[in-house]
C-alpha cells in the first residue's frame, strides 16, 4: 500500500471521528481547547501537538514554494492545520501531486 493511500485512509477515518465527536460534544471547540490548556499535563500534550503542526506547516510551505506555487496554495492547509492539527498535513499529502518525483529524488536522494 503506498503512502498516499495510507494518508487518505487516515484522513477519512480521523476526519469522520472528528466530525462525530464535534457533533456530540457538549461544549464548543474553543472551550474544550481552553480546558485542555488549563492543566499542565494536558497543556504539555497540546503544546507538543502544535510544535509538530508548526513543523508540518513549515514543510508544506517549503514544498509548495519549491513547486513554484504561491502562498495562496498553502493557506487552506495552514488554516486546517491550525484548527484540526493533523487534518491539514494529511489532506496535503493526499492532494500533493507526485508528477515531479525525479526532482524530489534529486533534492533528497
PDB file of N, CA and C in Angstrom:
ATOM      1  N   UNK A   1       0.848  -1.162   0.000  1.00  0.00           N
ATOM      2  CA  UNK A   1       0.000   0.000   0.000  1.00  0.00           C
ATOM      3  C   UNK A   1       0.904   1.239   0.000  1.00  0.00           C
ATOM      4  N   UNK A   2       0.618   2.200  -0.900  1.00  0.00           N
ATOM      5  CA  UNK A   2       1.513   3.343  -0.958  1.00  0.00           C
ATOM      6  C   UNK A   2       1.138   4.411   0.067  1.00  0.00           C
ATOM      7  N   UNK A   3       2.017   5.370   0.211  1.00  0.00           N
ATOM      8  CA  UNK A   3       1.906   6.400   1.231  1.00  0.00           C
ATOM      9  C   UNK A   3       0.653   7.251   1.045  1.00  0.00           C
ATOM     10  N   UNK A   4       0.286   7.538  -0.208  1.00  0.00           N
ATOM     11  CA  UNK A   4      -0.898   8.357  -0.483  1.00  0.00           C
ATOM     12  C   UNK A   4      -2.167   7.647  -0.013  1.00  0.00           C
ATOM     13  N   UNK A   5      -2.260   6.351  -0.242  1.00  0.00           N
ATOM     14  CA  UNK A   5      -3.438   5.590   0.179  1.00  0.00           C
ATOM     15  C   UNK A   5      -3.531   5.555   1.705  1.00  0.00           C
ATOM     16  N   UNK A   6      -2.416   5.346   2.360  1.00  0.00           N
ATOM     17  CA  UNK A   6      -2.398   5.347   3.826  1.00  0.00           C
ATOM     18  C   UNK A   6      -2.834   6.707   4.353  1.00  0.00           C
ATOM     19  N   UNK A   7      -2.331   7.782   3.741  1.00  0.00           N
ATOM     20  CA  UNK A   7      -2.712   9.137   4.152  1.00  0.00           C
ATOM     21  C   UNK A   7      -4.207   9.362   3.952  1.00  0.00           C
ATOM     22  N   UNK A   8      -4.747   8.874   2.843  1.00  0.00           N
ATOM     23  CA  UNK A   8      -6.174   9.030   2.568  1.00  0.00           C
ATOM     24  C   UNK A   8      -7.020   8.276   3.590  1.00  0.00           C
ATOM     25  N   UNK A   9      -6.621   7.067   3.910  1.00  0.00           N
ATOM     26  CA  UNK A   9      -7.355   6.278   4.910  1.00  0.00           C
ATOM     27  C   UNK A   9      -7.338   6.990   6.262  1.00  0.00           C
ATOM     28  N   UNK A  10      -6.167   7.466   6.672  1.00  0.00           N
ATOM     29  CA  UNK A  10      -6.062   8.195   7.944  1.00  0.00           C
ATOM     30  C   UNK A  10      -6.905   9.465   7.923  1.00  0.00           C
ATOM     31  N   UNK A  11      -6.867  10.188   6.804  1.00  0.00           N
ATOM     32  CA  UNK A  11      -7.639  11.418   6.684  1.00  0.00           C
ATOM     33  C   UNK A  11      -9.134  11.148   6.819  1.00  0.00           C
ATOM     34  N   UNK A  12      -9.634  10.136   6.112  1.00  0.00           N
ATOM     35  CA  UNK A  12     -11.065   9.821   6.162  1.00  0.00           C
ATOM     36  C   UNK A  12     -11.473   9.361   7.569  1.00  0.00           C
ATOM     37  N   UNK A  13     -10.701   8.463   8.145  1.00  0.00           N
ATOM     38  CA  UNK A  13     -11.042   7.957   9.480  1.00  0.00           C
ATOM     39  C   UNK A  13     -10.982   9.055  10.540  1.00  0.00           C
ATOM     40  N   UNK A  14      -9.910   9.820  10.534  1.00  0.00           N
ATOM     41  CA  UNK A  14      -9.750  10.856  11.555  1.00  0.00           C
ATOM     42  C   UNK A  14     -10.751  11.989  11.364  1.00  0.00           C
ATOM     43  N   UNK A  15     -11.000  12.391  10.126  1.00  0.00           N
ATOM     44  CA  UNK A  15     -11.980  13.454   9.872  1.00  0.00           C
ATOM     45  C   UNK A  15     -13.383  13.004  10.267  1.00  0.00           C
ATOM     46  N   UNK A  16     -13.712  11.770   9.966  1.00  0.00           N
ATOM     47  CA  UNK A  16     -15.006  11.228  10.370  1.00  0.00           C
ATOM     48  C   UNK A  16     -15.159  11.202  11.879  1.00  0.00           C
ATOM     49  N   UNK A  17     -14.120  10.755  12.553  1.00  0.00           N
ATOM     50  CA  UNK A  17     -14.159  10.714  14.013  1.00  0.00           C
ATOM     51  C   UNK A  17     -14.241  12.120  14.603  1.00  0.00           C
ATOM     52  N   UNK A  18     -13.495  13.048  14.029  1.00  0.00           N
ATOM     53  CA  UNK A  18     -13.529  14.436  14.493  1.00  0.00           C
ATOM     54  C   UNK A  18     -14.925  15.022  14.309  1.00  0.00           C
ATOM     55  N   UNK A  19     -15.516  14.803  13.143  1.00  0.00           N
ATOM     56  CA  UNK A  19     -16.871  15.292  12.902  1.00  0.00           C
ATOM     57  C   UNK A  19     -17.870  14.704  13.877  1.00  0.00           C
ATOM     58  N   UNK A  20     -17.745  13.420  14.121  1.00  0.00           N
ATOM     59  CA  UNK A  20     -18.636  12.745  15.066  1.00  0.00           C
ATOM     60  C   UNK A  20     -18.493  13.332  16.468  1.00  0.00           C
ATOM     61  N   UNK A  21     -17.283  13.478  16.939  1.00  0.00           N
ATOM     62  CA  UNK A  21     -17.086  13.984  18.299  1.00  0.00           C
ATOM     63  C   UNK A  21     -17.533  15.437  18.426  1.00  0.00           C
ATOM     64  N   UNK A  22     -17.354  16.217  17.369  1.00  0.00           N
ATOM     65  CA  UNK A  22     -17.820  17.607  17.417  1.00  0.00           C
ATOM     66  C   UNK A  22     -19.346  17.661  17.432  1.00  0.00           C
ATOM     67  N   UNK A  23     -19.985  16.714  16.755  1.00  0.00           N
ATOM     68  CA  UNK A  23     -21.452  16.689  16.705  1.00  0.00           C
ATOM     69  C   UNK A  23     -22.070  16.317  18.050  1.00  0.00           C
ATOM     70  N   UNK A  24     -21.395  15.473  18.800  1.00  0.00           N
ATOM     71  CA  UNK A  24     -21.967  15.041  20.084  1.00  0.00           C
ATOM     72  C   UNK A  24     -21.390  15.799  21.278  1.00  0.00           C
ATOM     73  N   UNK A  25     -20.440  16.692  21.026  1.00  0.00           N
ATOM     74  CA  UNK A  25     -19.781  17.413  22.122  1.00  0.00           C
ATOM     75  C   UNK A  25     -20.770  18.314  22.855  1.00  0.00           C
ATOM     76  N   UNK A  26     -20.570  18.422  24.139  1.00  0.00           N
ATOM     77  CA  UNK A  26     -21.420  19.271  24.963  1.00  0.00           C
ATOM     78  C   UNK A  26     -20.826  20.661  25.161  1.00  0.00           C
ATOM     79  N   UNK A  27     -19.676  20.904  24.562  1.00  0.00           N
ATOM     80  CA  UNK A  27     -19.040  22.208  24.682  1.00  0.00           C
ATOM     81  C   UNK A  27     -18.442  22.601  23.338  1.00  0.00           C
ATOM     82  N   UNK A  28     -18.150  23.872  23.187  1.00  0.00           N
ATOM     83  CA  UNK A  28     -17.581  24.347  21.926  1.00  0.00           C
ATOM     84  C   UNK A  28     -16.122  23.922  21.815  1.00  0.00           C
ATOM     85  N   UNK A  29     -15.599  23.999  20.603  1.00  0.00           N
ATOM     86  CA  UNK A  29     -14.200  23.662  20.366  1.00  0.00           C
ATOM     87  C   UNK A  29     -13.278  24.592  21.155  1.00  0.00           C
ATOM     88  N   UNK A  30     -13.631  25.867  21.238  1.00  0.00           N
ATOM     89  CA  UNK A  30     -12.814  26.830  21.987  1.00  0.00           C
ATOM     90  C   UNK A  30     -12.804  26.534  23.480  1.00  0.00           C
ATOM     91  N   UNK A  31     -13.956  26.226  24.046  1.00  0.00           N
ATOM     92  CA  UNK A  31     -13.975  25.928  25.481  1.00  0.00           C
ATOM     93  C   UNK A  31     -13.256  24.613  25.778  1.00  0.00           C
ATOM     94  N   UNK A  32     -13.343  23.675  24.857  1.00  0.00           N
ATOM     95  CA  UNK A  32     -12.601  22.421  25.024  1.00  0.00           C
ATOM     96  C   UNK A  32     -11.093  22.687  24.997  1.00  0.00           C
ATOM     97  N   UNK A  33     -10.656  23.516  24.041  1.00  0.00           N
ATOM     98  CA  UNK A  33      -9.233  23.868  23.965  1.00  0.00           C
ATOM     99  C   UNK A  33      -8.756  24.583  25.215  1.00  0.00           C
ATOM    100  N   UNK A  34      -9.574  25.506  25.721  1.00  0.00           N
ATOM    101  CA  UNK A  34      -9.208  26.208  26.951  1.00  0.00           C
ATOM    102  C   UNK A  34      -9.087  25.235  28.121  1.00  0.00           C
ATOM    103  N   UNK A  35     -10.007  24.288  28.185  1.00  0.00           N
ATOM    104  CA  UNK A  35      -9.967  23.291  29.250  1.00  0.00           C
ATOM    105  C   UNK A  35      -8.681  22.465  29.164  1.00  0.00           C
ATOM    106  N   UNK A  36      -8.271  22.124  27.946  1.00  0.00           N
ATOM    107  CA  UNK A  36      -7.050  21.328  27.781  1.00  0.00           C
ATOM    108  C   UNK A  36      -5.803  22.071  28.234  1.00  0.00           C
ATOM    109  N   UNK A  37      -5.729  23.369  27.935  1.00  0.00           N
ATOM    110  CA  UNK A  37      -4.505  24.099  28.296  1.00  0.00           C
ATOM    111  C   UNK A  37      -4.536  24.642  29.726  1.00  0.00           C
ATOM    112  N   UNK A  38      -5.625  24.407  30.450  1.00  0.00           N
ATOM    113  CA  UNK A  38      -5.713  24.913  31.818  1.00  0.00           C
ATOM    114  C   UNK A  38      -4.968  24.032  32.825  1.00  0.00           C
ATOM    115  N   UNK A  39      -4.600  22.821  32.431  1.00  0.00           N
ATOM    116  CA  UNK A  39      -3.853  21.923  33.318  1.00  0.00           C
ATOM    117  C   UNK A  39      -2.488  21.632  32.700  1.00  0.00           C
ATOM    118  N   UNK A  40      -1.444  21.592  33.486  1.00  0.00           N
ATOM    119  CA  UNK A  40      -0.090  21.384  32.939  1.00  0.00           C
ATOM    120  C   UNK A  40       0.073  20.072  32.174  1.00  0.00           C
ATOM    121  N   UNK A  41      -0.553  18.994  32.636  1.00  0.00           N
ATOM    122  CA  UNK A  41      -0.346  17.709  31.966  1.00  0.00           C
ATOM    123  C   UNK A  41      -0.978  17.690  30.575  1.00  0.00           C
ATOM    124  N   UNK A  42      -2.183  18.200  30.438  1.00  0.00           N
ATOM    125  CA  UNK A  42      -2.806  18.222  29.113  1.00  0.00           C
ATOM    126  C   UNK A  42      -2.247  19.357  28.256  1.00  0.00           C
ATOM    127  N   UNK A  43      -1.840  20.454  28.886  1.00  0.00           N
ATOM    128  CA  UNK A  43      -1.222  21.558  28.130  1.00  0.00           C
ATOM    129  C   UNK A  43       0.061  21.084  27.457  1.00  0.00           C
ATOM    130  N   UNK A  44       0.811  20.209  28.128  1.00  0.00           N
ATOM    131  CA  UNK A  44       2.047  19.690  27.539  1.00  0.00           C
ATOM    132  C   UNK A  44       1.753  18.946  26.249  1.00  0.00           C
ATOM    133  N   UNK A  45       0.695  18.164  26.231  1.00  0.00           N
ATOM    134  CA  UNK A  45       0.324  17.408  25.031  1.00  0.00           C
ATOM    135  C   UNK A  45      -0.101  18.366  23.913  1.00  0.00           C
ATOM    136  N   UNK A  46      -0.903  19.367  24.249  1.00  0.00           N
ATOM    137  CA  UNK A  46      -1.353  20.347  23.254  1.00  0.00           C
ATOM    138  C   UNK A  46      -0.161  21.105  22.673  1.00  0.00           C
ATOM    139  N   UNK A  47       0.752  21.530  23.530  1.00  0.00           N
ATOM    140  CA  UNK A  47       1.944  22.246  23.063  1.00  0.00           C
ATOM    141  C   UNK A  47       2.767  21.346  22.150  1.00  0.00           C
ATOM    142  N   UNK A  48       2.928  20.097  22.527  1.00  0.00           N
ATOM    143  CA  UNK A  48       3.666  19.136  21.710  1.00  0.00           C
ATOM    144  C   UNK A  48       3.028  18.981  20.329  1.00  0.00           C
ATOM    145  N   UNK A  49       1.712  18.854  20.285  1.00  0.00           N
ATOM    146  CA  UNK A  49       0.998  18.724  19.006  1.00  0.00           C
ATOM    147  C   UNK A  49       1.200  19.963  18.137  1.00  0.00           C
ATOM    148  N   UNK A  50       1.121  21.135  18.746  1.00  0.00           N
ATOM    149  CA  UNK A  50       1.273  22.357  17.950  1.00  0.00           C
ATOM    150  C   UNK A  50       2.712  22.591  17.507  1.00  0.00           C
ATOM    151  N   UNK A  51       3.681  22.101  18.244  1.00  0.00           N
ATOM    152  CA  UNK A  51       5.067  22.152  17.749  1.00  0.00           C
ATOM    153  C   UNK A  51       5.176  21.316  16.479  1.00  0.00           C
ATOM    154  N   UNK A  52       4.601  20.113  16.501  1.00  0.00           N
ATOM    155  CA  UNK A  52       4.604  19.275  15.296  1.00  0.00           C
ATOM    156  C   UNK A  52       3.819  19.933  14.163  1.00  0.00           C
ATOM    157  N   UNK A  53       2.719  20.600  14.505  1.00  0.00           N
ATOM    158  CA  UNK A  53       1.927  21.291  13.490  1.00  0.00           C
ATOM    159  C   UNK A  53       2.735  22.406  12.838  1.00  0.00           C
ATOM    160  N   UNK A  54       3.486  23.146  13.625  1.00  0.00           N
ATOM    161  CA  UNK A  54       4.316  24.220  13.078  1.00  0.00           C
ATOM    162  C   UNK A  54       5.398  23.645  12.165  1.00  0.00           C
ATOM    163  N   UNK A  55       5.976  22.524  12.558  1.00  0.00           N
ATOM    164  CA  UNK A  55       6.965  21.864  11.688  1.00  0.00           C
ATOM    165  C   UNK A  55       6.327  21.415  10.375  1.00  0.00           C
ATOM    166  N   UNK A  56       5.119  20.868  10.454  1.00  0.00           N
ATOM    167  CA  UNK A  56       4.401  20.447   9.242  1.00  0.00           C
ATOM    168  C   UNK A  56       4.062  21.653   8.367  1.00  0.00           C
ATOM    169  N   UNK A  57       3.655  22.753   8.988  1.00  0.00           N
ATOM    170  CA  UNK A  57       3.358  23.972   8.225  1.00  0.00           C
ATOM    171  C   UNK A  57       4.599  24.460   7.477  1.00  0.00           C
ATOM    172  N   UNK A  58       5.737  24.419   8.150  1.00  0.00           N
ATOM    173  CA  UNK A  58       6.988  24.821   7.506  1.00  0.00           C
ATOM    174  C   UNK A  58       7.328  23.911   6.338  1.00  0.00           C
ATOM    175  N   UNK A  59       7.168  22.599   6.525  1.00  0.00           N
ATOM    176  CA  UNK A  59       7.455  21.667   5.434  1.00  0.00           C
ATOM    177  C   UNK A  59       6.512  21.885   4.259  1.00  0.00           C
ATOM    178  N   UNK A  60       5.204  22.031   4.546  1.00  0.00           N
ATOM    179  CA  UNK A  60       4.238  22.239   3.464  1.00  0.00           C
ATOM    180  C   UNK A  60       4.531  23.537   2.716  1.00  0.00           C
ATOM    181  N   UNK A  61       4.851  24.601   3.449  1.00  0.00           N
ATOM    182  CA  UNK A  61       5.160  25.881   2.810  1.00  0.00           C
ATOM    183  C   UNK A  61       6.370  25.745   1.887  1.00  0.00           C
ATOM    184  N   UNK A  62       7.414  25.123   2.396  1.00  0.00           N
ATOM    185  CA  UNK A  62       8.633  24.954   1.603  1.00  0.00           C
ATOM    186  C   UNK A  62       8.371  24.079   0.381  1.00  0.00           C
ATOM    187  N   UNK A  63       7.595  23.030   0.542  1.00  0.00           N
ATOM    188  CA  UNK A  63       7.279  22.138  -0.563  1.00  0.00           C
ATOM    189  C   UNK A  63       6.458  22.856  -1.636  1.00  0.00           C
ATOM    190  N   UNK A  64       5.473  23.626  -1.203  1.00  0.00           N
ATOM    191  CA  UNK A  64       4.654  24.387  -2.150  1.00  0.00           C
ATOM    192  C   UNK A  64       5.507  25.427  -2.867  1.00  0.00           C
ATOM    193  N   UNK A  65       6.377  26.085  -2.130  1.00  0.00           N
ATOM    194  CA  UNK A  65       7.272  27.090  -2.719  1.00  0.00           C
ATOM    195  C   UNK A  65       8.215  26.438  -3.733  1.00  0.00           C
ATOM    196  N   UNK A  66       8.758  25.280  -3.411  1.00  0.00           N
ATOM    197  CA  UNK A  66       9.655  24.566  -4.324  1.00  0.00           C
ATOM    198  C   UNK A  66       8.941  24.114  -5.595  1.00  0.00           C
ATOM    199  N   UNK A  67       7.645  23.957  -5.519  1.00  0.00           N
ATOM    200  CA  UNK A  67       6.847  23.561  -6.680  1.00  0.00           C
ATOM    201  C   UNK A  67       6.418  24.771  -7.512  1.00  0.00           C
ATOM    202  N   UNK A  68       6.859  25.962  -7.116  1.00  0.00           N
ATOM    203  CA  UNK A  68       6.551  27.166  -7.874  1.00  0.00           C
ATOM    204  C   UNK A  68       5.175  27.740  -7.610  1.00  0.00           C
ATOM    205  N   UNK A  69       4.554  27.325  -6.517  1.00  0.00           N
ATOM    206  CA  UNK A  69       3.223  27.822  -6.161  1.00  0.00           C
ATOM    207  C   UNK A  69       3.352  29.002  -5.198  1.00  0.00           C
ATOM    208  N   UNK A  70       2.253  29.724  -5.028  1.00  0.00           N
ATOM    209  CA  UNK A  70       2.257  30.886  -4.139  1.00  0.00           C
ATOM    210  C   UNK A  70       1.688  30.520  -2.776  1.00  0.00           C
ATOM    211  N   UNK A  71       1.725  31.485  -1.875  1.00  0.00           N
ATOM    212  CA  UNK A  71       1.236  31.266  -0.512  1.00  0.00           C
ATOM    213  C   UNK A  71      -0.262  30.960  -0.494  1.00  0.00           C
ATOM    214  N   UNK A  72      -1.007  31.413  -1.508  1.00  0.00           N
ATOM    215  CA  UNK A  72      -2.447  31.140  -1.516  1.00  0.00           C
ATOM    216  C   UNK A  72      -2.741  29.645  -1.653  1.00  0.00           C
ATOM    217  N   UNK A  73      -1.796  28.881  -2.165  1.00  0.00           N
ATOM    218  CA  UNK A  73      -1.960  27.417  -2.227  1.00  0.00           C
ATOM    219  C   UNK A  73      -1.715  26.779  -0.859  1.00  0.00           C
ATOM    220  N   UNK A  74      -0.968  27.456  -0.019  1.00  0.00           N
ATOM    221  CA  UNK A  74      -0.609  26.953   1.301  1.00  0.00           C
ATOM    222  C   UNK A  74      -1.661  27.300   2.356  1.00  0.00           C
ATOM    223  N   UNK A  75      -2.331  28.433   2.199  1.00  0.00           N
ATOM    224  CA  UNK A  75      -3.232  28.940   3.230  1.00  0.00           C
ATOM    225  C   UNK A  75      -4.352  27.976   3.641  1.00  0.00           C
ATOM    226  N   UNK A  76      -5.045  27.309   2.728  1.00  0.00           N
ATOM    227  CA  UNK A  76      -6.099  26.384   3.191  1.00  0.00           C
ATOM    228  C   UNK A  76      -5.549  25.267   4.081  1.00  0.00           C
ATOM    229  N   UNK A  77      -4.398  24.738   3.721  1.00  0.00           N
ATOM    230  CA  UNK A  77      -3.777  23.689   4.542  1.00  0.00           C
ATOM    231  C   UNK A  77      -3.344  24.255   5.896  1.00  0.00           C
ATOM    232  N   UNK A  78      -2.839  25.490   5.884  1.00  0.00           N
ATOM    233  CA  UNK A  78      -2.407  26.127   7.124  1.00  0.00           C
ATOM    234  C   UNK A  78      -3.588  26.336   8.067  1.00  0.00           C
ATOM    235  N   UNK A  79      -4.697  26.819   7.539  1.00  0.00           N
ATOM    236  CA  UNK A  79      -5.876  27.042   8.382  1.00  0.00           C
ATOM    237  C   UNK A  79      -6.401  25.734   8.962  1.00  0.00           C
ATOM    238  N   UNK A  80      -6.471  24.707   8.137  1.00  0.00           N
ATOM    239  CA  UNK A  80      -6.910  23.399   8.643  1.00  0.00           C
ATOM    240  C   UNK A  80      -5.959  22.873   9.714  1.00  0.00           C
ATOM    241  N   UNK A  81      -4.666  23.083   9.516  1.00  0.00           N
ATOM    242  CA  UNK A  81      -3.671  22.611  10.473  1.00  0.00           C
ATOM    243  C   UNK A  81      -3.789  23.357  11.793  1.00  0.00           C
ATOM    244  N   UNK A  82      -4.012  24.667  11.734  1.00  0.00           N
ATOM    245  CA  UNK A  82      -4.114  25.446  12.966  1.00  0.00           C
ATOM    246  C   UNK A  82      -5.355  25.083  13.780  1.00  0.00           C
ATOM    247  N   UNK A  83      -6.422  24.646  13.122  1.00  0.00           N
ATOM    248  CA  UNK A  83      -7.645  24.297  13.845  1.00  0.00           C
ATOM    249  C   UNK A  83      -7.685  22.816  14.209  1.00  0.00           C
ATOM    250  N   UNK A  84      -7.391  21.941  13.243  1.00  0.00           N
ATOM    251  CA  UNK A  84      -7.550  20.500  13.448  1.00  0.00           C
ATOM    252  C   UNK A  84      -6.227  19.733  13.448  1.00  0.00           C
ATOM    253  N   UNK A  85      -5.122  20.415  13.490  1.00  0.00           N
ATOM    254  CA  UNK A  85      -3.750  19.919  13.544  1.00  0.00           C
ATOM    255  C   UNK A  85      -3.435  18.929  12.416  1.00  0.00           C
ATOM    256  N   UNK A  86      -3.771  17.672  12.523  1.00  0.00           N
ATOM    257  CA  UNK A  86      -3.301  16.696  11.534  1.00  0.00           C
ATOM    258  C   UNK A  86      -4.116  16.659  10.243  1.00  0.00           C
ATOM    259  N   UNK A  87      -5.298  17.272  10.216  1.00  0.00           N
ATOM    260  CA  UNK A  87      -6.116  17.228   9.005  1.00  0.00           C
ATOM    261  C   UNK A  87      -5.436  17.968   7.849  1.00  0.00           C
ATOM    262  N   UNK A  88      -4.827  19.117   8.128  1.00  0.00           N
ATOM    263  CA  UNK A  88      -4.160  19.886   7.082  1.00  0.00           C
ATOM    264  C   UNK A  88      -3.025  19.118   6.413  1.00  0.00           C
ATOM    265  N   UNK A  89      -2.058  18.616   7.169  1.00  0.00           N
ATOM    266  CA  UNK A  89      -0.983  17.845   6.542  1.00  0.00           C
ATOM    267  C   UNK A  89      -1.461  16.566   5.852  1.00  0.00           C
ATOM    268  N   UNK A  90      -2.440  15.880   6.435  1.00  0.00           N
ATOM    269  CA  UNK A  90      -2.948  14.670   5.786  1.00  0.00           C
ATOM    270  C   UNK A  90      -3.601  15.001   4.449  1.00  0.00           C
ATOM    271  N   UNK A  91      -4.407  16.062   4.417  1.00  0.00           N
ATOM    272  CA  UNK A  91      -5.030  16.472   3.163  1.00  0.00           C
ATOM    273  C   UNK A  91      -3.973  16.872   2.139  1.00  0.00           C
ATOM    274  N   UNK A  92      -2.943  17.572   2.589  1.00  0.00           N
ATOM    275  CA  UNK A  92      -1.864  17.965   1.682  1.00  0.00           C
ATOM    276  C   UNK A  92      -1.172  16.732   1.088  1.00  0.00           C
ATOM    277  N   UNK A  93      -0.905  15.746   1.917  1.00  0.00           N
ATOM    278  CA  UNK A  93      -0.256  14.532   1.423  1.00  0.00           C
ATOM    279  C   UNK A  93      -1.129  13.786   0.420  1.00  0.00           C
ATOM    280  N   UNK A  94      -2.439  13.820   0.626  1.00  0.00           N
ATOM    281  CA  UNK A  94      -3.360  13.144  -0.296  1.00  0.00           C
ATOM    282  C   UNK A  94      -3.424  13.890  -1.630  1.00  0.00           C
ATOM    283  N   UNK A  95      -3.488  15.216  -1.582  1.00  0.00           N
ATOM    284  CA  UNK A  95      -3.676  16.006  -2.801  1.00  0.00           C
ATOM    285  C   UNK A  95      -2.373  16.439  -3.477  1.00  0.00           C
ATOM    286  N   UNK A  96      -1.272  16.262  -2.807  1.00  0.00           N
ATOM    287  CA  UNK A  96       0.034  16.689  -3.328  1.00  0.00           C
ATOM    288  C   UNK A  96       0.367  15.933  -4.614  1.00  0.00           C
ATOM    289  N   UNK A  97       0.639  16.686  -5.700  1.00  0.00           N
ATOM    290  CA  UNK A  97       0.996  15.992  -6.944  1.00  0.00           C
ATOM    291  C   UNK A  97       2.366  15.331  -6.820  1.00  0.00           C
ATOM    292  N   UNK A  98       2.488  14.155  -7.393  1.00  0.00           N
ATOM    293  CA  UNK A  98       3.785  13.477  -7.343  1.00  0.00           C
ATOM    294  C   UNK A  98       4.364  13.307  -8.740  1.00  0.00           C
ATOM    295  N   UNK A  99       3.951  14.199  -9.656  1.00  0.00           N
ATOM    296  CA  UNK A  99       4.431  14.096 -11.034  1.00  0.00           C
ATOM    297  C   UNK A  99       5.877  14.555 -11.196  1.00  0.00           C
ATOM    298  N   UNK A 100       6.465  15.106 -10.177  1.00  0.00           N
ATOM    299  CA  UNK A 100       7.860  15.514 -10.275  1.00  0.00           C
ATOM    300  C   UNK A 100       8.739  14.704  -9.327  1.00  0.00           C
ATOM    301  N   UNK A 101       8.515  13.420  -9.298  1.00  0.00           N
ATOM    302  CA  UNK A 101       9.278  12.533  -8.421  1.00  0.00           C
ATOM    303  C   UNK A 101      10.784  12.593  -8.714  1.00  0.00           C
ATOM    304  N   UNK A 102      11.139  12.845  -9.971  1.00  0.00           N
ATOM    305  CA  UNK A 102      12.560  12.953 -10.313  1.00  0.00           C
ATOM    306  C   UNK A 102      13.193  14.127  -9.587  1.00  0.00           C
ATOM    307  N   UNK A 103      12.479  15.262  -9.508  1.00  0.00           N
ATOM    308  CA  UNK A 103      13.004  16.421  -8.795  1.00  0.00           C
ATOM    309  C   UNK A 103      13.166  16.135  -7.310  1.00  0.00           C
ATOM    310  N   UNK A 104      12.216  15.401  -6.742  1.00  0.00           N
ATOM    311  CA  UNK A 104      12.301  15.049  -5.327  1.00  0.00           C
ATOM    312  C   UNK A 104      13.494  14.141  -5.090  1.00  0.00           C
ATOM    313  N   UNK A 105      13.690  13.162  -5.974  1.00  0.00           N
ATOM    314  CA  UNK A 105      14.842  12.267  -5.825  1.00  0.00           C
ATOM    315  C   UNK A 105      16.151  13.021  -5.923  1.00  0.00           C
ATOM    316  N   UNK A 106      16.234  13.996  -6.807  1.00  0.00           N
ATOM    317  CA  UNK A 106      17.446  14.811  -6.944  1.00  0.00           C
ATOM    318  C   UNK A 106      17.665  15.630  -5.673  1.00  0.00           C
ATOM    319  N   UNK A 107      16.566  16.173  -5.122  1.00  0.00           N
ATOM    320  CA  UNK A 107      16.670  17.035  -3.959  1.00  0.00           C
ATOM    321  C   UNK A 107      17.026  16.260  -2.691  1.00  0.00           C
ATOM    322  N   UNK A 108      16.423  15.090  -2.493  1.00  0.00           N
ATOM    323  CA  UNK A 108      16.592  14.351  -1.251  1.00  0.00           C
ATOM    324  C   UNK A 108      17.389  13.054  -1.400  1.00  0.00           C
ATOM    325  N   UNK A 109      17.654  12.645  -2.610  1.00  0.00           N
ATOM    326  CA  UNK A 109      18.294  11.351  -2.781  1.00  0.00           C
ATOM    327  C   UNK A 109      19.617  11.505  -3.331  1.00  0.00           C
TER     328      UNK A 109
END
